[in-house]
C-alpha atoms as a PDB file:
ATOM      1  CA  UNK A   1     -14.325 -47.926  13.279  1.00  0.00           C
ATOM      2  CA  UNK A   2     -11.252 -49.546  12.538  1.00  0.00           C
ATOM      3  CA  UNK A   3      -8.560 -48.035  15.545  1.00  0.00           C
ATOM      4  CA  UNK A   4      -5.570 -46.168  13.479  1.00  0.00           C
ATOM      5  CA  UNK A   5      -2.316 -47.145  14.154  1.00  0.00           C
ATOM      6  CA  UNK A   6       0.149 -45.667  16.466  1.00  0.00           C
ATOM      7  CA  UNK A   7       3.406 -43.322  15.243  1.00  0.00           C
ATOM      8  CA  UNK A   8       5.389 -46.150  16.885  1.00  0.00           C
ATOM      9  CA  UNK A   9       3.609 -49.614  15.031  1.00  0.00           C
ATOM     10  CA  UNK A  10       3.992 -46.993  11.585  1.00  0.00           C
ATOM     11  CA  UNK A  11       7.506 -47.263  12.499  1.00  0.00           C
ATOM     12  CA  UNK A  12       9.313 -50.347  14.033  1.00  0.00           C
ATOM     13  CA  UNK A  13      11.706 -50.568  11.850  1.00  0.00           C
ATOM     14  CA  UNK A  14      13.364 -46.964  13.444  1.00  0.00           C
ATOM     15  CA  UNK A  15      15.051 -47.433  16.576  1.00  0.00           C
ATOM     16  CA  UNK A  16      14.270 -44.347  19.595  1.00  0.00           C
ATOM     17  CA  UNK A  17      17.544 -43.075  18.877  1.00  0.00           C
ATOM     18  CA  UNK A  18      16.754 -42.108  15.426  1.00  0.00           C
ATOM     19  CA  UNK A  19      13.640 -41.505  15.961  1.00  0.00           C
ATOM     20  CA  UNK A  20      14.977 -39.128  18.600  1.00  0.00           C
ATOM     21  CA  UNK A  21      17.320 -37.434  16.325  1.00  0.00           C
ATOM     22  CA  UNK A  22      14.333 -36.740  13.522  1.00  0.00           C
ATOM     23  CA  UNK A  23      11.913 -34.724  15.831  1.00  0.00           C
ATOM     24  CA  UNK A  24      15.024 -32.819  17.144  1.00  0.00           C
ATOM     25  CA  UNK A  25      15.316 -32.467  13.553  1.00  0.00           C
ATOM     26  CA  UNK A  26      12.030 -31.174  12.646  1.00  0.00           C
ATOM     27  CA  UNK A  27      12.113 -29.376  15.385  1.00  0.00           C
ATOM     28  CA  UNK A  28      14.902 -27.722  14.831  1.00  0.00           C
ATOM     29  CA  UNK A  29      14.239 -26.943  11.198  1.00  0.00           C
ATOM     30  CA  UNK A  30      13.548 -23.565   9.441  1.00  0.00           C
ATOM     31  CA  UNK A  31       9.781 -22.905   8.363  1.00  0.00           C
ATOM     32  CA  UNK A  32      10.865 -22.699   5.389  1.00  0.00           C
ATOM     33  CA  UNK A  33      12.463 -26.455   4.742  1.00  0.00           C
ATOM     34  CA  UNK A  34       9.415 -28.154   6.548  1.00  0.00           C
ATOM     35  CA  UNK A  35       7.832 -26.267   4.043  1.00  0.00           C
ATOM     36  CA  UNK A  36       9.753 -27.965   0.649  1.00  0.00           C
ATOM     37  CA  UNK A  37       9.842 -31.733   2.560  1.00  0.00           C
ATOM     38  CA  UNK A  38       5.682 -31.177   2.192  1.00  0.00           C
ATOM     39  CA  UNK A  39       6.354 -29.848  -1.244  1.00  0.00           C
ATOM     40  CA  UNK A  40       8.529 -32.243  -2.039  1.00  0.00           C
ATOM     41  CA  UNK A  41       6.567 -35.248  -0.304  1.00  0.00           C
ATOM     42  CA  UNK A  42       3.312 -34.187  -2.135  1.00  0.00           C
ATOM     43  CA  UNK A  43       4.764 -33.510  -5.464  1.00  0.00           C
ATOM     44  CA  UNK A  44       6.893 -37.331  -4.375  1.00  0.00           C
ATOM     45  CA  UNK A  45       2.751 -38.510  -4.003  1.00  0.00           C
ATOM     46  CA  UNK A  46       1.271 -36.722  -7.144  1.00  0.00           C
ATOM     47  CA  UNK A  47       3.990 -38.691  -9.444  1.00  0.00           C
ATOM     48  CA  UNK A  48       3.056 -42.382  -8.197  1.00  0.00           C
ATOM     49  CA  UNK A  49      -0.640 -41.366  -8.066  1.00  0.00           C
ATOM     50  CA  UNK A  50       0.054 -40.970 -11.449  1.00  0.00           C
ATOM     51  CA  UNK A  51       1.608 -43.826 -12.869  1.00  0.00           C
ATOM     52  CA  UNK A  52      -0.835 -46.018 -10.848  1.00  0.00           C
ATOM     53  CA  UNK A  53      -3.142 -44.303 -13.036  1.00  0.00           C
ATOM     54  CA  UNK A  54      -1.248 -44.783 -17.007  1.00  0.00           C
ATOM     55  CA  UNK A  55      -0.339 -48.366 -15.378  1.00  0.00           C
ATOM     56  CA  UNK A  56      -4.586 -49.081 -14.430  1.00  0.00           C
ATOM     57  CA  UNK A  57      -5.539 -46.849 -17.553  1.00  0.00           C
ATOM     58  CA  UNK A  58      -3.114 -46.763 -20.406  1.00  0.00           C
ATOM     59  CA  UNK A  59      -5.556 -45.261 -23.198  1.00  0.00           C
ATOM     60  CA  UNK A  60      -6.360 -42.331 -21.282  1.00  0.00           C
ATOM     61  CA  UNK A  61      -5.449 -39.171 -22.430  1.00  0.00           C
ATOM     62  CA  UNK A  62      -3.693 -36.761 -19.948  1.00  0.00           C
ATOM     63  CA  UNK A  63      -6.833 -35.371 -19.488  1.00  0.00           C
ATOM     64  CA  UNK A  64      -8.590 -38.237 -18.094  1.00  0.00           C
ATOM     65  CA  UNK A  65      -5.773 -38.595 -16.175  1.00  0.00           C
ATOM     66  CA  UNK A  66      -5.857 -35.378 -14.613  1.00  0.00           C
ATOM     67  CA  UNK A  67      -8.944 -35.472 -13.819  1.00  0.00           C
ATOM     68  CA  UNK A  68      -8.891 -39.452 -12.160  1.00  0.00           C
ATOM     69  CA  UNK A  69      -6.364 -38.083 -10.257  1.00  0.00           C
ATOM     70  CA  UNK A  70      -8.397 -34.927  -8.931  1.00  0.00           C
ATOM     71  CA  UNK A  71     -11.229 -37.009  -8.318  1.00  0.00           C
ATOM     72  CA  UNK A  72      -9.126 -39.649  -6.126  1.00  0.00           C
ATOM     73  CA  UNK A  73      -7.413 -36.501  -3.875  1.00  0.00           C
ATOM     74  CA  UNK A  74     -10.620 -33.893  -3.809  1.00  0.00           C
ATOM     75  CA  UNK A  75     -13.499 -36.882  -4.706  1.00  0.00           C
ATOM     76  CA  UNK A  76     -16.153 -36.177  -7.607  1.00  0.00           C
ATOM     77  CA  UNK A  77     -18.444 -33.111  -7.145  1.00  0.00           C
ATOM     78  CA  UNK A  78     -15.282 -30.823  -6.730  1.00  0.00           C
ATOM     79  CA  UNK A  79     -12.970 -32.788  -9.978  1.00  0.00           C
ATOM     80  CA  UNK A  80     -16.233 -31.660 -12.144  1.00  0.00           C
ATOM     81  CA  UNK A  81     -15.440 -28.909 -11.526  1.00  0.00           C
ATOM     82  CA  UNK A  82     -11.896 -28.733 -11.824  1.00  0.00           C
ATOM     83  CA  UNK A  83     -11.580 -30.364 -15.214  1.00  0.00           C
ATOM     84  CA  UNK A  84     -13.029 -30.200 -18.621  1.00  0.00           C
ATOM     85  CA  UNK A  85     -12.619 -33.857 -18.878  1.00  0.00           C
ATOM     86  CA  UNK A  86     -15.136 -36.112 -16.680  1.00  0.00           C
ATOM     87  CA  UNK A  87     -14.830 -39.762 -16.844  1.00  0.00           C
ATOM     88  CA  UNK A  88     -17.952 -41.693 -15.285  1.00  0.00           C
ATOM     89  CA  UNK A  89     -17.647 -45.183 -13.555  1.00  0.00           C
ATOM     90  CA  UNK A  90     -17.429 -47.539 -16.272  1.00  0.00           C
ATOM     91  CA  UNK A  91     -14.130 -45.859 -17.737  1.00  0.00           C
ATOM     92  CA  UNK A  92     -15.983 -43.974 -20.499  1.00  0.00           C
ATOM     93  CA  UNK A  93     -14.769 -40.186 -21.352  1.00  0.00           C
ATOM     94  CA  UNK A  94     -18.306 -37.878 -21.395  1.00  0.00           C
ATOM     95  CA  UNK A  95     -17.776 -33.761 -22.457  1.00  0.00           C
END
């Protein structure tokens, strides 16, 4: 199994001084602020993922795109339970 990168390897462009400031902020931030930051990050991730889905599947309906996002995030089995539209591996819509 491939080793995951360390924090330092992923943030080589951040100086230790700035990193200390960031960690101090994260430690001192109230819980509501941390939850808000995570919610905003999740919303941004979903927006970017949907943008990529639209680009890869320009003729897909909004329902198909939602299914594809659910499949990406949760897997086929859960996506099929969540969505009324399923998409086969060939990209064709199936009801």
